[in-house]
C-alpha cells in the first residue's frame, strides 16, 4: 500500500511519507482514523492522488482493529 501511495511523489518526499505511513498505527481504530485524517490534511493539497489512494481503502486498512489486540501482530505479519 505504501508503494502505491508514494507513486507519483518526488523521491525526496518518499522517505518522509513512508515514515508517516508507518507511524499511523494506533492503539485503537479511533487513533488510526485520526492519523489517516492528519495524513490527508498534510498531503491532500499537494498530492491529491496519494491521499486518495490511502483513503479509498480505509475500511480494509483498518479492518484488523475489529479483532482482539493480541491478534494484530499476526495479522500485520500476514498482510506484509
C-alpha atoms as a PDB file:
ATOM      1  CA  UNK A   1       0.000   0.000   0.000  1.00  0.00           C
ATOM      2  CA  UNK A   2       2.806   2.388   0.878  1.00  0.00           C
ATOM      3  CA  UNK A   3       4.385   1.899  -2.552  1.00  0.00           C
ATOM      4  CA  UNK A   4       1.123   2.751  -4.308  1.00  0.00           C
ATOM      5  CA  UNK A   5       0.598   5.827  -2.161  1.00  0.00           C
ATOM      6  CA  UNK A   6       4.080   7.136  -2.962  1.00  0.00           C
ATOM      7  CA  UNK A   7       3.669   6.675  -6.725  1.00  0.00           C
ATOM      8  CA  UNK A   8       3.980   9.998  -8.432  1.00  0.00           C
ATOM      9  CA  UNK A   9       5.534  11.713  -5.425  1.00  0.00           C
ATOM     10  CA  UNK A  10       9.010  13.157  -5.710  1.00  0.00           C
ATOM     11  CA  UNK A  11      11.689  10.778  -4.425  1.00  0.00           C
ATOM     12  CA  UNK A  12      12.743  13.444  -1.925  1.00  0.00           C
ATOM     13  CA  UNK A  13       9.328  13.125  -0.228  1.00  0.00           C
ATOM     14  CA  UNK A  14       9.099   9.332  -0.268  1.00  0.00           C
ATOM     15  CA  UNK A  15      11.202   8.652   2.833  1.00  0.00           C
ATOM     16  CA  UNK A  16       9.207  11.164   4.873  1.00  0.00           C
ATOM     17  CA  UNK A  17       5.851   9.895   3.570  1.00  0.00           C
ATOM     18  CA  UNK A  18       6.797   6.277   4.208  1.00  0.00           C
ATOM     19  CA  UNK A  19       7.713   7.146   7.805  1.00  0.00           C
ATOM     20  CA  UNK A  20       4.380   8.939   8.232  1.00  0.00           C
ATOM     21  CA  UNK A  21       2.535   5.893   6.928  1.00  0.00           C
ATOM     22  CA  UNK A  22       4.294   3.516   9.296  1.00  0.00           C
ATOM     23  CA  UNK A  23       3.589   5.796  12.250  1.00  0.00           C
ATOM     24  CA  UNK A  24      -0.163   5.694  11.628  1.00  0.00           C
ATOM     25  CA  UNK A  25      -0.819   2.507  13.519  1.00  0.00           C
ATOM     26  CA  UNK A  26      -2.531   3.454  16.747  1.00  0.00           C
ATOM     27  CA  UNK A  27      -3.676   1.706  19.871  1.00  0.00           C
ATOM     28  CA  UNK A  28      -7.255   1.900  18.642  1.00  0.00           C
ATOM     29  CA  UNK A  29      -9.239   2.286  15.463  1.00  0.00           C
ATOM     30  CA  UNK A  30     -10.085   5.851  16.502  1.00  0.00           C
ATOM     31  CA  UNK A  31      -6.385   6.784  16.802  1.00  0.00           C
ATOM     32  CA  UNK A  32      -5.672   5.246  13.398  1.00  0.00           C
ATOM     33  CA  UNK A  33      -8.591   7.122  11.849  1.00  0.00           C
ATOM     34  CA  UNK A  34      -7.247  10.373  13.323  1.00  0.00           C
ATOM     35  CA  UNK A  35      -3.790   9.584  11.888  1.00  0.00           C
ATOM     36  CA  UNK A  36      -5.336   8.988   8.461  1.00  0.00           C
ATOM     37  CA  UNK A  37      -7.100  12.320   8.727  1.00  0.00           C
ATOM     38  CA  UNK A  38      -3.874  14.109   9.677  1.00  0.00           C
ATOM     39  CA  UNK A  39      -2.052  12.462   6.750  1.00  0.00           C
ATOM     40  CA  UNK A  40      -4.848  13.530   4.427  1.00  0.00           C
ATOM     41  CA  UNK A  41      -4.758  17.140   5.667  1.00  0.00           C
ATOM     42  CA  UNK A  42      -0.992  17.236   5.337  1.00  0.00           C
ATOM     43  CA  UNK A  43      -0.712  15.863   1.797  1.00  0.00           C
ATOM     44  CA  UNK A  44      -4.142  16.363   0.151  1.00  0.00           C
ATOM     45  CA  UNK A  45      -3.472  19.779  -1.355  1.00  0.00           C
ATOM     46  CA  UNK A  46      -0.129  18.980  -2.942  1.00  0.00           C
ATOM     47  CA  UNK A  47      -0.533  15.218  -3.563  1.00  0.00           C
ATOM     48  CA  UNK A  48      -4.257  14.528  -4.033  1.00  0.00           C
ATOM     49  CA  UNK A  49      -3.706  11.180  -5.761  1.00  0.00           C
ATOM     50  CA  UNK A  50      -1.614   9.878  -2.863  1.00  0.00           C
ATOM     51  CA  UNK A  51      -4.225  10.985  -0.336  1.00  0.00           C
ATOM     52  CA  UNK A  52      -6.994   9.370  -2.372  1.00  0.00           C
ATOM     53  CA  UNK A  53      -5.061   6.086  -2.634  1.00  0.00           C
ATOM     54  CA  UNK A  54      -4.899   5.945   1.139  1.00  0.00           C
ATOM     55  CA  UNK A  55      -8.439   6.980   1.978  1.00  0.00           C
ATOM     56  CA  UNK A  56     -10.254   4.930  -0.667  1.00  0.00           C
ATOM     57  CA  UNK A  57      -9.312   1.678   1.113  1.00  0.00           C
ATOM     58  CA  UNK A  58      -9.703   2.972   4.655  1.00  0.00           C
ATOM     59  CA  UNK A  59     -12.106   0.223   5.759  1.00  0.00           C
ATOM     60  CA  UNK A  60      -9.761  -2.517   4.548  1.00  0.00           C
ATOM     61  CA  UNK A  61      -6.713  -0.840   6.076  1.00  0.00           C
ATOM     62  CA  UNK A  62      -8.352  -0.614   9.476  1.00  0.00           C
ATOM     63  CA  UNK A  63     -10.110  -3.989   9.434  1.00  0.00           C
ATOM     64  CA  UNK A  64      -7.614  -5.619  11.808  1.00  0.00           C
ATOM     65  CA  UNK A  65      -8.837  -3.309  14.594  1.00  0.00           C
ATOM     66  CA  UNK A  66     -12.038  -5.394  14.545  1.00  0.00           C
ATOM     67  CA  UNK A  67     -10.025  -8.267  16.046  1.00  0.00           C
ATOM     68  CA  UNK A  68      -8.636  -8.559  19.559  1.00  0.00           C
ATOM     69  CA  UNK A  69      -5.394  -6.600  20.052  1.00  0.00           C
ATOM     70  CA  UNK A  70      -3.341  -9.732  20.790  1.00  0.00           C
ATOM     71  CA  UNK A  71      -4.050 -10.925  17.225  1.00  0.00           C
ATOM     72  CA  UNK A  72      -2.914  -7.728  15.498  1.00  0.00           C
ATOM     73  CA  UNK A  73       0.744  -8.713  15.286  1.00  0.00           C
ATOM     74  CA  UNK A  74      -0.170 -11.908  13.447  1.00  0.00           C
ATOM     75  CA  UNK A  75      -2.498 -10.132  11.066  1.00  0.00           C
ATOM     76  CA  UNK A  76       0.136  -7.488  10.256  1.00  0.00           C
ATOM     77  CA  UNK A  77       2.769 -10.138   9.534  1.00  0.00           C
ATOM     78  CA  UNK A  78       0.445 -11.925   7.127  1.00  0.00           C
ATOM     79  CA  UNK A  79      -0.546  -8.718   5.364  1.00  0.00           C
ATOM     80  CA  UNK A  80       3.018  -7.518   4.744  1.00  0.00           C
END
